[in-house]
Amino acid sequence: MRLPLAGGSIDVVLLFGLLPHLPNLERGLEEALRVLRPGGVIAAGHLMSSQELNAFHASLNAPVSGDLLPSARELAGRLACLGAAGATADEKPGWYFVRAEKSSS
């Protein structure tokens, strides 16, 4: 939740298979955006849709059973609220991808 990197020092942040496991999604997204340089890209992906992944996690008798992935559209909206620009969302069975850029302002 606190990356050991200077603010604005990274060109790309890829969050693959991570989001449902963050203890605080908003804080994790804020931190990812903090380390991005203006115009840098943040991308989140999974090899399942949010519905598939959430159902899979719920079916497990394991610590991840309550770990939920928001829909790609919802995540794109959260990134936009945090100041990211040009957020796009693509989600279908077997696929989840969200991409946005850190605003230059």
N, C-alpha and C. Protein backbone atom coordinates (compact mmCIF):
# COMPACT_ATOMS: atom_id res chain seq x y z
N MET A 1 0.82 -1.19 0.00
CA MET A 1 0.00 0.00 0.00
C MET A 1 0.87 1.26 0.00
N ARG A 2 2.16 1.10 0.21
CA ARG A 2 3.09 2.22 0.13
C ARG A 2 4.31 1.75 -0.65
N LEU A 3 4.37 2.12 -1.92
CA LEU A 3 5.47 1.69 -2.79
C LEU A 3 6.74 2.45 -2.46
N PRO A 4 7.88 1.78 -2.44
CA PRO A 4 9.14 2.46 -2.13
C PRO A 4 9.71 3.17 -3.36
N LEU A 5 8.90 4.02 -3.96
CA LEU A 5 9.27 4.71 -5.19
C LEU A 5 8.92 6.19 -5.06
N ALA A 6 9.70 7.02 -5.71
CA ALA A 6 9.42 8.45 -5.71
C ALA A 6 8.15 8.73 -6.51
N GLY A 7 7.42 9.75 -6.11
CA GLY A 7 6.25 10.17 -6.86
C GLY A 7 6.64 10.59 -8.27
N GLY A 8 5.81 10.22 -9.24
CA GLY A 8 6.04 10.61 -10.62
C GLY A 8 7.26 9.96 -11.26
N SER A 9 7.67 8.79 -10.78
CA SER A 9 8.90 8.17 -11.27
C SER A 9 8.70 6.98 -12.20
N ILE A 10 7.47 6.57 -12.44
CA ILE A 10 7.19 5.35 -13.20
C ILE A 10 6.35 5.68 -14.43
N ASP A 11 6.65 5.01 -15.53
CA ASP A 11 5.89 5.21 -16.77
C ASP A 11 4.61 4.37 -16.84
N VAL A 12 4.66 3.14 -16.29
CA VAL A 12 3.53 2.21 -16.38
C VAL A 12 3.38 1.46 -15.07
N VAL A 13 2.15 1.35 -14.59
CA VAL A 13 1.83 0.50 -13.45
C VAL A 13 0.84 -0.55 -13.96
N LEU A 14 1.21 -1.82 -13.83
CA LEU A 14 0.34 -2.93 -14.23
C LEU A 14 -0.11 -3.66 -12.99
N LEU A 15 -1.41 -3.70 -12.78
CA LEU A 15 -2.02 -4.38 -11.64
C LEU A 15 -2.70 -5.64 -12.16
N PHE A 16 -1.95 -6.72 -12.23
CA PHE A 16 -2.49 -7.95 -12.81
C PHE A 16 -2.79 -8.94 -11.69
N GLY A 17 -4.05 -9.27 -11.54
CA GLY A 17 -4.46 -10.25 -10.54
C GLY A 17 -4.34 -9.75 -9.10
N LEU A 18 -4.25 -8.45 -8.92
CA LEU A 18 -3.97 -7.88 -7.60
C LEU A 18 -5.18 -7.23 -6.94
N LEU A 19 -6.00 -6.54 -7.69
CA LEU A 19 -7.00 -5.64 -7.11
C LEU A 19 -7.90 -6.25 -6.04
N PRO A 20 -8.44 -7.44 -6.22
CA PRO A 20 -9.35 -7.92 -5.18
C PRO A 20 -8.65 -8.21 -3.85
N HIS A 21 -7.34 -8.26 -3.87
CA HIS A 21 -6.60 -8.63 -2.67
C HIS A 21 -6.04 -7.44 -1.91
N LEU A 22 -6.27 -6.23 -2.41
CA LEU A 22 -5.82 -5.04 -1.70
C LEU A 22 -6.71 -4.81 -0.48
N PRO A 23 -6.12 -4.47 0.66
CA PRO A 23 -6.95 -4.22 1.84
C PRO A 23 -7.79 -2.95 1.71
N ASN A 24 -7.38 -2.02 0.85
CA ASN A 24 -8.12 -0.79 0.63
C ASN A 24 -7.92 -0.40 -0.84
N LEU A 25 -8.90 -0.68 -1.67
CA LEU A 25 -8.79 -0.47 -3.11
C LEU A 25 -8.50 0.99 -3.44
N GLU A 26 -9.23 1.92 -2.84
CA GLU A 26 -9.02 3.34 -3.14
C GLU A 26 -7.58 3.75 -2.82
N ARG A 27 -7.09 3.35 -1.67
CA ARG A 27 -5.74 3.71 -1.27
C ARG A 27 -4.71 3.09 -2.22
N GLY A 28 -4.94 1.84 -2.63
CA GLY A 28 -4.04 1.19 -3.58
C GLY A 28 -4.00 1.91 -4.92
N LEU A 29 -5.15 2.35 -5.40
CA LEU A 29 -5.20 3.08 -6.67
C LEU A 29 -4.53 4.44 -6.53
N GLU A 30 -4.76 5.11 -5.41
CA GLU A 30 -4.10 6.40 -5.17
C GLU A 30 -2.58 6.23 -5.18
N GLU A 31 -2.10 5.17 -4.56
CA GLU A 31 -0.66 4.93 -4.50
C GLU A 31 -0.10 4.62 -5.88
N ALA A 32 -0.81 3.84 -6.66
CA ALA A 32 -0.36 3.55 -8.03
C ALA A 32 -0.29 4.84 -8.85
N LEU A 33 -1.29 5.69 -8.70
CA LEU A 33 -1.28 6.97 -9.43
C LEU A 33 -0.19 7.89 -8.91
N ARG A 34 0.11 7.84 -7.63
CA ARG A 34 1.16 8.69 -7.06
C ARG A 34 2.51 8.45 -7.73
N VAL A 35 2.86 7.18 -7.97
CA VAL A 35 4.18 6.87 -8.52
C VAL A 35 4.26 7.07 -10.03
N LEU A 36 3.10 7.23 -10.68
CA LEU A 36 3.09 7.45 -12.13
C LEU A 36 3.51 8.87 -12.48
N ARG A 37 4.26 9.01 -13.55
CA ARG A 37 4.57 10.34 -14.07
C ARG A 37 3.33 10.85 -14.79
N PRO A 38 3.18 12.16 -14.95
CA PRO A 38 2.06 12.68 -15.73
C PRO A 38 2.08 12.07 -17.14
N GLY A 39 0.94 11.58 -17.58
CA GLY A 39 0.83 10.91 -18.87
C GLY A 39 1.15 9.43 -18.79
N GLY A 40 1.61 8.95 -17.62
CA GLY A 40 1.89 7.53 -17.43
C GLY A 40 0.61 6.71 -17.45
N VAL A 41 0.75 5.43 -17.71
CA VAL A 41 -0.39 4.53 -17.87
C VAL A 41 -0.55 3.61 -16.67
N ILE A 42 -1.78 3.49 -16.20
CA ILE A 42 -2.14 2.49 -15.20
C ILE A 42 -3.08 1.50 -15.89
N ALA A 43 -2.81 0.22 -15.71
CA ALA A 43 -3.63 -0.82 -16.33
C ALA A 43 -3.89 -1.91 -15.30
N ALA A 44 -5.10 -2.44 -15.31
CA ALA A 44 -5.48 -3.53 -14.41
C ALA A 44 -6.06 -4.65 -15.25
N GLY A 45 -5.65 -5.87 -14.95
CA GLY A 45 -6.14 -7.00 -15.73
C GLY A 45 -6.36 -8.25 -14.90
N HIS A 46 -7.20 -9.11 -15.46
CA HIS A 46 -7.47 -10.43 -14.92
C HIS A 46 -7.85 -11.33 -16.08
N LEU A 47 -7.67 -12.62 -15.90
CA LEU A 47 -8.06 -13.58 -16.95
C LEU A 47 -9.44 -14.16 -16.68
N MET A 48 -10.23 -13.44 -15.89
CA MET A 48 -11.64 -13.76 -15.64
C MET A 48 -12.38 -12.43 -15.55
N SER A 49 -13.65 -12.44 -15.84
CA SER A 49 -14.46 -11.24 -15.61
C SER A 49 -14.64 -11.08 -14.11
N SER A 50 -15.10 -9.91 -13.70
CA SER A 50 -15.33 -9.69 -12.27
C SER A 50 -16.39 -10.67 -11.75
N GLN A 51 -17.42 -10.93 -12.53
CA GLN A 51 -18.45 -11.89 -12.10
C GLN A 51 -17.85 -13.27 -11.89
N GLU A 52 -17.04 -13.71 -12.85
CA GLU A 52 -16.42 -15.04 -12.74
C GLU A 52 -15.48 -15.11 -11.55
N LEU A 53 -14.65 -14.10 -11.40
CA LEU A 53 -13.67 -14.12 -10.31
C LEU A 53 -14.36 -14.03 -8.96
N ASN A 54 -15.35 -13.17 -8.82
CA ASN A 54 -16.05 -13.04 -7.55
C ASN A 54 -16.77 -14.32 -7.17
N ALA A 55 -17.37 -14.99 -8.15
CA ALA A 55 -18.03 -16.27 -7.89
C ALA A 55 -17.00 -17.33 -7.49
N PHE A 56 -15.86 -17.34 -8.17
CA PHE A 56 -14.80 -18.30 -7.84
C PHE A 56 -14.31 -18.07 -6.41
N HIS A 57 -13.99 -16.83 -6.08
CA HIS A 57 -13.51 -16.53 -4.73
C HIS A 57 -14.56 -16.94 -3.69
N ALA A 58 -15.82 -16.62 -3.94
CA ALA A 58 -16.89 -16.94 -2.99
C ALA A 58 -17.05 -18.44 -2.78
N SER A 59 -16.68 -19.23 -3.79
CA SER A 59 -16.84 -20.69 -3.69
C SER A 59 -15.73 -21.35 -2.87
N LEU A 60 -14.71 -20.59 -2.55
CA LEU A 60 -13.57 -21.15 -1.83
C LEU A 60 -13.76 -21.02 -0.33
N ASN A 61 -13.31 -22.02 0.37
CA ASN A 61 -13.25 -21.94 1.82
C ASN A 61 -11.83 -21.52 2.16
N ALA A 62 -11.54 -20.26 1.87
CA ALA A 62 -10.17 -19.77 1.97
C ALA A 62 -10.18 -18.29 2.32
N PRO A 63 -9.03 -17.75 2.69
CA PRO A 63 -8.97 -16.32 3.04
C PRO A 63 -9.44 -15.38 1.92
N VAL A 64 -9.38 -15.81 0.67
CA VAL A 64 -9.78 -14.93 -0.44
C VAL A 64 -11.27 -14.97 -0.73
N SER A 65 -12.04 -15.74 0.03
CA SER A 65 -13.47 -15.91 -0.29
C SER A 65 -14.24 -14.59 -0.28
N GLY A 66 -13.76 -13.59 0.44
CA GLY A 66 -14.43 -12.29 0.47
C GLY A 66 -13.75 -11.24 -0.37
N ASP A 67 -12.71 -11.60 -1.11
CA ASP A 67 -11.98 -10.64 -1.94
C ASP A 67 -12.74 -10.44 -3.25
N LEU A 68 -13.21 -9.23 -3.47
CA LEU A 68 -14.05 -8.93 -4.63
C LEU A 68 -13.38 -7.98 -5.60
N LEU A 69 -13.61 -8.22 -6.86
CA LEU A 69 -13.12 -7.37 -7.94
C LEU A 69 -14.29 -6.54 -8.45
N PRO A 70 -14.17 -5.19 -8.45
CA PRO A 70 -15.27 -4.39 -9.00
C PRO A 70 -15.37 -4.61 -10.50
N SER A 71 -16.52 -4.32 -11.06
CA SER A 71 -16.65 -4.42 -12.52
C SER A 71 -15.63 -3.49 -13.17
N ALA A 72 -15.26 -3.80 -14.38
CA ALA A 72 -14.29 -2.96 -15.10
C ALA A 72 -14.83 -1.54 -15.26
N ARG A 73 -16.09 -1.41 -15.52
CA ARG A 73 -16.70 -0.08 -15.67
C ARG A 73 -16.61 0.69 -14.35
N GLU A 74 -16.88 0.01 -13.22
CA GLU A 74 -16.78 0.65 -11.92
C GLU A 74 -15.34 1.09 -11.63
N LEU A 75 -14.39 0.23 -11.93
CA LEU A 75 -12.99 0.58 -11.70
C LEU A 75 -12.58 1.78 -12.55
N ALA A 76 -12.99 1.81 -13.80
CA ALA A 76 -12.68 2.95 -14.67
C ALA A 76 -13.26 4.23 -14.07
N GLY A 77 -14.46 4.16 -13.51
CA GLY A 77 -15.08 5.31 -12.87
C GLY A 77 -14.31 5.75 -11.63
N ARG A 78 -13.84 4.80 -10.85
CA ARG A 78 -13.05 5.14 -9.65
C ARG A 78 -11.75 5.82 -10.05
N LEU A 79 -11.10 5.32 -11.09
CA LEU A 79 -9.87 5.95 -11.56
C LEU A 79 -10.13 7.37 -12.03
N ALA A 80 -11.23 7.57 -12.74
CA ALA A 80 -11.59 8.92 -13.20
C ALA A 80 -11.83 9.84 -12.01
N CYS A 81 -12.49 9.35 -10.98
CA CYS A 81 -12.74 10.16 -9.78
C CYS A 81 -11.43 10.52 -9.07
N LEU A 82 -10.42 9.68 -9.22
CA LEU A 82 -9.12 9.95 -8.61
C LEU A 82 -8.24 10.84 -9.49
N GLY A 83 -8.78 11.25 -10.64
CA GLY A 83 -8.06 12.18 -11.50
C GLY A 83 -7.40 11.56 -12.72
N ALA A 84 -7.57 10.26 -12.93
CA ALA A 84 -7.02 9.63 -14.13
C ALA A 84 -7.84 10.06 -15.34
N ALA A 85 -7.21 10.07 -16.49
CA ALA A 85 -7.86 10.52 -17.72
C ALA A 85 -8.01 9.36 -18.71
N GLY A 86 -9.02 9.47 -19.56
CA GLY A 86 -9.18 8.53 -20.66
C GLY A 86 -9.37 7.09 -20.23
N ALA A 87 -10.02 6.87 -19.10
CA ALA A 87 -10.21 5.50 -18.61
C ALA A 87 -11.09 4.70 -19.57
N THR A 88 -10.61 3.50 -19.92
CA THR A 88 -11.39 2.59 -20.75
C THR A 88 -11.55 1.27 -20.01
N ALA A 89 -12.65 0.60 -20.26
CA ALA A 89 -12.94 -0.67 -19.60
C ALA A 89 -13.39 -1.69 -20.62
N ASP A 90 -12.85 -2.88 -20.52
CA ASP A 90 -13.23 -3.99 -21.40
C ASP A 90 -13.38 -5.23 -20.53
N GLU A 91 -14.58 -5.78 -20.52
CA GLU A 91 -14.83 -6.95 -19.68
C GLU A 91 -15.79 -7.88 -20.39
N LYS A 92 -15.44 -9.16 -20.39
CA LYS A 92 -16.28 -10.21 -20.94
C LYS A 92 -15.83 -11.52 -20.29
N PRO A 93 -16.53 -12.61 -20.52
CA PRO A 93 -16.08 -13.88 -19.92
C PRO A 93 -14.62 -14.17 -20.28
N GLY A 94 -13.83 -14.45 -19.26
CA GLY A 94 -12.42 -14.76 -19.47
C GLY A 94 -11.53 -13.57 -19.69
N TRP A 95 -12.05 -12.36 -19.46
CA TRP A 95 -11.25 -11.17 -19.74
C TRP A 95 -11.71 -9.98 -18.89
N TYR A 96 -10.72 -9.22 -18.39
CA TYR A 96 -10.95 -8.01 -17.61
C TYR A 96 -9.77 -7.10 -17.86
N PHE A 97 -10.04 -5.89 -18.35
CA PHE A 97 -8.95 -4.96 -18.61
C PHE A 97 -9.44 -3.52 -18.47
N VAL A 98 -8.70 -2.75 -17.70
CA VAL A 98 -8.99 -1.34 -17.51
C VAL A 98 -7.67 -0.59 -17.73
N ARG A 99 -7.76 0.53 -18.45
CA ARG A 99 -6.57 1.34 -18.73
C ARG A 99 -6.91 2.81 -18.58
N ALA A 100 -5.99 3.56 -18.00
CA ALA A 100 -6.16 5.01 -17.87
C ALA A 100 -4.78 5.66 -17.84
N GLU A 101 -4.76 6.97 -17.93
CA GLU A 101 -3.52 7.72 -17.86
C GLU A 101 -3.59 8.70 -16.72
N LYS A 102 -2.43 8.96 -16.12
CA LYS A 102 -2.37 9.98 -15.08
C LYS A 102 -2.45 11.35 -15.77
N SER A 103 -3.36 12.15 -15.30
CA SER A 103 -3.52 13.50 -15.87
C SER A 103 -2.24 14.30 -15.70
N SER A 104 -1.98 15.18 -16.65
CA SER A 104 -0.79 15.99 -16.56
C SER A 104 -0.95 17.18 -15.63
N SER A 105 -2.17 17.45 -15.21
CA SER A 105 -2.37 18.60 -14.32
C SER A 105 -2.26 18.21 -12.87
